[in-house]
Amino acid sequence: MNDEYLTLEEVSKKLKVNKITVYRMAKRGKIPAFKFGKVWRVDNKKLERMIERKLNGK
């Protein structure tokens, strides 16, 4: 699988939070995610940038 887009399960492992939490974040637009059919995908590069900004307090 191309690691450019992650599943919600992969994101939950990366962020060390529950998969339901990631689903809610995606649904509310809190993470860079989109729904493709019935499946959610998260843009890994945008997620990394978002994490970096949060860690740097921006």
PDB file of N, CA and C in Angstrom:
ATOM      1  N   MET A   1       0.840  -1.186   0.000  1.00  0.00           N
ATOM      2  CA  MET A   1       0.000   0.000   0.000  1.00  0.00           C
ATOM      3  C   MET A   1       0.876   1.237   0.000  1.00  0.00           C
ATOM      4  N   ASN A   2       0.459   2.222  -0.713  1.00  0.00           N
ATOM      5  CA  ASN A   2       1.143   3.498  -0.753  1.00  0.00           C
ATOM      6  C   ASN A   2       0.938   4.191   0.591  1.00  0.00           C
ATOM      7  N   ASP A   3       2.049   4.613   1.227  1.00  0.00           N
ATOM      8  CA  ASP A   3       1.925   5.240   2.546  1.00  0.00           C
ATOM      9  C   ASP A   3       1.586   6.723   2.476  1.00  0.00           C
ATOM     10  N   GLU A   4       1.207   7.187   1.288  1.00  0.00           N
ATOM     11  CA  GLU A   4       0.791   8.576   1.144  1.00  0.00           C
ATOM     12  C   GLU A   4      -0.539   8.823   1.850  1.00  0.00           C
ATOM     13  N   TYR A   5      -1.398   7.824   1.853  1.00  0.00           N
ATOM     14  CA  TYR A   5      -2.705   7.913   2.508  1.00  0.00           C
ATOM     15  C   TYR A   5      -2.827   6.775   3.510  1.00  0.00           C
ATOM     16  N   LEU A   6      -3.254   7.116   4.705  1.00  0.00           N
ATOM     17  CA  LEU A   6      -3.361   6.149   5.784  1.00  0.00           C
ATOM     18  C   LEU A   6      -4.814   5.821   6.094  1.00  0.00           C
ATOM     19  N   THR A   7      -5.039   4.636   6.614  1.00  0.00           N
ATOM     20  CA  THR A   7      -6.363   4.274   7.107  1.00  0.00           C
ATOM     21  C   THR A   7      -6.532   4.876   8.496  1.00  0.00           C
ATOM     22  N   LEU A   8      -7.750   4.888   8.983  1.00  0.00           N
ATOM     23  CA  LEU A   8      -7.994   5.405  10.330  1.00  0.00           C
ATOM     24  C   LEU A   8      -7.276   4.551  11.368  1.00  0.00           C
ATOM     25  N   GLU A   9      -7.193   3.262  11.117  1.00  0.00           N
ATOM     26  CA  GLU A   9      -6.495   2.363  12.041  1.00  0.00           C
ATOM     27  C   GLU A   9      -5.000   2.690  12.094  1.00  0.00           C
ATOM     28  N   GLU A  10      -4.402   2.962  10.950  1.00  0.00           N
ATOM     29  CA  GLU A  10      -2.985   3.329  10.916  1.00  0.00           C
ATOM     30  C   GLU A  10      -2.747   4.647  11.647  1.00  0.00           C
ATOM     31  N   VAL A  11      -3.653   5.585  11.468  1.00  0.00           N
ATOM     32  CA  VAL A  11      -3.539   6.881  12.155  1.00  0.00           C
ATOM     33  C   VAL A  11      -3.691   6.691  13.660  1.00  0.00           C
ATOM     34  N   SER A  12      -4.628   5.841  14.070  1.00  0.00           N
ATOM     35  CA  SER A  12      -4.833   5.625  15.503  1.00  0.00           C
ATOM     36  C   SER A  12      -3.578   5.038  16.148  1.00  0.00           C
ATOM     37  N   LYS A  13      -2.891   4.146  15.444  1.00  0.00           N
ATOM     38  CA  LYS A  13      -1.644   3.585  15.970  1.00  0.00           C
ATOM     39  C   LYS A  13      -0.559   4.651  16.025  1.00  0.00           C
ATOM     40  N   LYS A  14      -0.488   5.474  14.996  1.00  0.00           N
ATOM     41  CA  LYS A  14       0.516   6.538  14.917  1.00  0.00           C
ATOM     42  C   LYS A  14       0.322   7.558  16.034  1.00  0.00           C
ATOM     43  N   LEU A  15      -0.927   7.956  16.291  1.00  0.00           N
ATOM     44  CA  LEU A  15      -1.233   8.955  17.314  1.00  0.00           C
ATOM     45  C   LEU A  15      -1.439   8.346  18.692  1.00  0.00           C
ATOM     46  N   LYS A  16      -1.507   7.015  18.745  1.00  0.00           N
ATOM     47  CA  LYS A  16      -1.722   6.281  19.998  1.00  0.00           C
ATOM     48  C   LYS A  16      -3.030   6.694  20.670  1.00  0.00           C
ATOM     49  N   VAL A  17      -4.079   6.741  19.842  1.00  0.00           N
ATOM     50  CA  VAL A  17      -5.428   7.014  20.334  1.00  0.00           C
ATOM     51  C   VAL A  17      -6.370   5.965  19.749  1.00  0.00           C
ATOM     52  N   ASN A  18      -7.549   5.900  20.291  1.00  0.00           N
ATOM     53  CA  ASN A  18      -8.546   4.941  19.832  1.00  0.00           C
ATOM     54  C   ASN A  18      -8.991   5.248  18.401  1.00  0.00           C
ATOM     55  N   LYS A  19      -9.327   4.214  17.655  1.00  0.00           N
ATOM     56  CA  LYS A  19      -9.783   4.376  16.273  1.00  0.00           C
ATOM     57  C   LYS A  19     -11.051   5.236  16.205  1.00  0.00           C
ATOM     58  N   ILE A  20     -11.922   5.121  17.175  1.00  0.00           N
ATOM     59  CA  ILE A  20     -13.152   5.922  17.222  1.00  0.00           C
ATOM     60  C   ILE A  20     -12.798   7.410  17.354  1.00  0.00           C
ATOM     61  N   THR A  21     -11.783   7.726  18.139  1.00  0.00           N
ATOM     62  CA  THR A  21     -11.336   9.106  18.290  1.00  0.00           C
ATOM     63  C   THR A  21     -10.878   9.658  16.949  1.00  0.00           C
ATOM     64  N   VAL A  22     -10.105   8.861  16.198  1.00  0.00           N
ATOM     65  CA  VAL A  22      -9.634   9.288  14.879  1.00  0.00           C
ATOM     66  C   VAL A  22     -10.812   9.478  13.932  1.00  0.00           C
ATOM     67  N   TYR A  23     -11.790   8.574  13.994  1.00  0.00           N
ATOM     68  CA  TYR A  23     -12.990   8.700  13.157  1.00  0.00           C
ATOM     69  C   TYR A  23     -13.707  10.013  13.447  1.00  0.00           C
ATOM     70  N   ARG A  24     -13.870  10.329  14.715  1.00  0.00           N
ATOM     71  CA  ARG A  24     -14.547  11.575  15.096  1.00  0.00           C
ATOM     72  C   ARG A  24     -13.752  12.800  14.634  1.00  0.00           C
ATOM     73  N   MET A  25     -12.434  12.731  14.761  1.00  0.00           N
ATOM     74  CA  MET A  25     -11.588  13.834  14.304  1.00  0.00           C
ATOM     75  C   MET A  25     -11.719  14.027  12.798  1.00  0.00           C
ATOM     76  N   ALA A  26     -11.756  12.931  12.061  1.00  0.00           N
ATOM     77  CA  ALA A  26     -11.898  12.994  10.602  1.00  0.00           C
ATOM     78  C   ALA A  26     -13.247  13.583  10.231  1.00  0.00           C
ATOM     79  N   LYS A  27     -14.282  13.099  10.884  1.00  0.00           N
ATOM     80  CA  LYS A  27     -15.641  13.550  10.598  1.00  0.00           C
ATOM     81  C   LYS A  27     -15.820  15.035  10.880  1.00  0.00           C
ATOM     82  N   ARG A  28     -15.139  15.538  11.907  1.00  0.00           N
ATOM     83  CA  ARG A  28     -15.248  16.949  12.291  1.00  0.00           C
ATOM     84  C   ARG A  28     -14.242  17.857  11.570  1.00  0.00           C
ATOM     85  N   GLY A  29     -13.392  17.258  10.726  1.00  0.00           N
ATOM     86  CA  GLY A  29     -12.421  18.048   9.983  1.00  0.00           C
ATOM     87  C   GLY A  29     -11.200  18.451  10.791  1.00  0.00           C
ATOM     88  N   LYS A  30     -10.932  17.756  11.879  1.00  0.00           N
ATOM     89  CA  LYS A  30      -9.795  18.080  12.745  1.00  0.00           C
ATOM     90  C   LYS A  30      -8.488  17.508  12.213  1.00  0.00           C
ATOM     91  N   ILE A  31      -8.564  16.527  11.333  1.00  0.00           N
ATOM     92  CA  ILE A  31      -7.382  15.964  10.687  1.00  0.00           C
ATOM     93  C   ILE A  31      -7.621  15.962   9.181  1.00  0.00           C
ATOM     94  N   PRO A  32      -6.545  15.956   8.384  1.00  0.00           N
ATOM     95  CA  PRO A  32      -6.680  16.017   6.925  1.00  0.00           C
ATOM     96  C   PRO A  32      -7.151  14.687   6.336  1.00  0.00           C
ATOM     97  N   ALA A  33      -8.453  14.462   6.389  1.00  0.00           N
ATOM     98  CA  ALA A  33      -9.027  13.193   5.953  1.00  0.00           C
ATOM     99  C   ALA A  33     -10.130  13.410   4.928  1.00  0.00           C
ATOM    100  N   PHE A  34     -10.376  12.376   4.153  1.00  0.00           N
ATOM    101  CA  PHE A  34     -11.485  12.404   3.199  1.00  0.00           C
ATOM    102  C   PHE A  34     -12.093  11.014   3.123  1.00  0.00           C
ATOM    103  N   LYS A  35     -13.337  10.988   2.732  1.00  0.00           N
ATOM    104  CA  LYS A  35     -14.050   9.726   2.619  1.00  0.00           C
ATOM    105  C   LYS A  35     -14.074   9.319   1.149  1.00  0.00           C
ATOM    106  N   PHE A  36     -13.616   8.106   0.874  1.00  0.00           N
ATOM    107  CA  PHE A  36     -13.580   7.550  -0.473  1.00  0.00           C
ATOM    108  C   PHE A  36     -14.520   6.357  -0.474  1.00  0.00           C
ATOM    109  N   GLY A  37     -15.751   6.588  -0.950  1.00  0.00           N
ATOM    110  CA  GLY A  37     -16.773   5.543  -0.826  1.00  0.00           C
ATOM    111  C   GLY A  37     -17.173   5.431   0.634  1.00  0.00           C
ATOM    112  N   LYS A  38     -16.985   4.258   1.194  1.00  0.00           N
ATOM    113  CA  LYS A  38     -17.305   4.035   2.608  1.00  0.00           C
ATOM    114  C   LYS A  38     -16.072   4.057   3.494  1.00  0.00           C
ATOM    115  N   VAL A  39     -14.918   4.328   2.904  1.00  0.00           N
ATOM    116  CA  VAL A  39     -13.656   4.225   3.622  1.00  0.00           C
ATOM    117  C   VAL A  39     -13.002   5.593   3.793  1.00  0.00           C
ATOM    118  N   TRP A  40     -12.532   5.869   4.989  1.00  0.00           N
ATOM    119  CA  TRP A  40     -11.820   7.111   5.273  1.00  0.00           C
ATOM    120  C   TRP A  40     -10.341   6.921   4.980  1.00  0.00           C
ATOM    121  N   ARG A  41      -9.706   7.976   4.449  1.00  0.00           N
ATOM    122  CA  ARG A  41      -8.271   8.010   4.220  1.00  0.00           C
ATOM    123  C   ARG A  41      -7.736   9.332   4.748  1.00  0.00           C
ATOM    124  N   VAL A  42      -6.502   9.293   5.242  1.00  0.00           N
ATOM    125  CA  VAL A  42      -5.869  10.475   5.817  1.00  0.00           C
ATOM    126  C   VAL A  42      -4.580  10.747   5.045  1.00  0.00           C
ATOM    127  N   ASP A  43      -4.404  11.992   4.636  1.00  0.00           N
ATOM    128  CA  ASP A  43      -3.199  12.393   3.921  1.00  0.00           C
ATOM    129  C   ASP A  43      -2.032  12.414   4.907  1.00  0.00           C
ATOM    130  N   ASN A  44      -1.087  11.505   4.719  1.00  0.00           N
ATOM    131  CA  ASN A  44       0.016  11.348   5.661  1.00  0.00           C
ATOM    132  C   ASN A  44       0.902  12.590   5.739  1.00  0.00           C
ATOM    133  N   LYS A  45       1.215  13.201   4.612  1.00  0.00           N
ATOM    134  CA  LYS A  45       2.082  14.381   4.621  1.00  0.00           C
ATOM    135  C   LYS A  45       1.438  15.539   5.381  1.00  0.00           C
ATOM    136  N   LYS A  46       0.156  15.768   5.129  1.00  0.00           N
ATOM    137  CA  LYS A  46      -0.552  16.842   5.833  1.00  0.00           C
ATOM    138  C   LYS A  46      -0.674  16.537   7.322  1.00  0.00           C
ATOM    139  N   LEU A  47      -0.896  15.268   7.649  1.00  0.00           N
ATOM    140  CA  LEU A  47      -0.988  14.867   9.053  1.00  0.00           C
ATOM    141  C   LEU A  47       0.344  15.118   9.753  1.00  0.00           C
ATOM    142  N   GLU A  48       1.455  14.761   9.103  1.00  0.00           N
ATOM    143  CA  GLU A  48       2.784  14.986   9.672  1.00  0.00           C
ATOM    144  C   GLU A  48       3.026  16.472   9.929  1.00  0.00           C
ATOM    145  N   ARG A  49       2.640  17.320   8.966  1.00  0.00           N
ATOM    146  CA  ARG A  49       2.805  18.763   9.136  1.00  0.00           C
ATOM    147  C   ARG A  49       1.951  19.283  10.288  1.00  0.00           C
ATOM    148  N   MET A  50       0.721  18.763  10.398  1.00  0.00           N
ATOM    149  CA  MET A  50      -0.177  19.171  11.472  1.00  0.00           C
ATOM    150  C   MET A  50       0.425  18.788  12.829  1.00  0.00           C
ATOM    151  N   ILE A  51       0.953  17.586  12.925  1.00  0.00           N
ATOM    152  CA  ILE A  51       1.571  17.124  14.173  1.00  0.00           C
ATOM    153  C   ILE A  51       2.770  17.999  14.517  1.00  0.00           C
ATOM    154  N   GLU A  52       3.599  18.294  13.519  1.00  0.00           N
ATOM    155  CA  GLU A  52       4.772  19.128  13.727  1.00  0.00           C
ATOM    156  C   GLU A  52       4.379  20.513  14.246  1.00  0.00           C
ATOM    157  N   ARG A  53       3.332  21.108  13.647  1.00  0.00           N
ATOM    158  CA  ARG A  53       2.861  22.425  14.112  1.00  0.00           C
ATOM    159  C   ARG A  53       2.375  22.350  15.558  1.00  0.00           C
ATOM    160  N   LYS A  54       1.642  21.300  15.898  1.00  0.00           N
ATOM    161  CA  LYS A  54       1.127  21.151  17.260  1.00  0.00           C
ATOM    162  C   LYS A  54       2.275  21.003  18.258  1.00  0.00           C
ATOM    163  N   LEU A  55       3.301  20.242  17.871  1.00  0.00           N
ATOM    164  CA  LEU A  55       4.439  20.035  18.765  1.00  0.00           C
ATOM    165  C   LEU A  55       5.259  21.303  18.960  1.00  0.00           C
ATOM    166  N   ASN A  56       5.261  22.159  17.946  1.00  0.00           N
ATOM    167  CA  ASN A  56       5.994  23.426  18.030  1.00  0.00           C
ATOM    168  C   ASN A  56       5.157  24.557  18.593  1.00  0.00           C
ATOM    169  N   GLY A  57       3.916  24.245  18.974  1.00  0.00           N
ATOM    170  CA  GLY A  57       3.052  25.240  19.619  1.00  0.00           C
ATOM    171  C   GLY A  57       2.467  26.268  18.681  1.00  0.00           C
ATOM    172  N   LYS A  58       2.322  25.918  17.409  1.00  0.00           N
ATOM    173  CA  LYS A  58       1.769  26.869  16.443  1.00  0.00           C
ATOM    174  C   LYS A  58       0.345  26.537  16.106  1.00  0.00           C
TER     175      LYS A  58
END
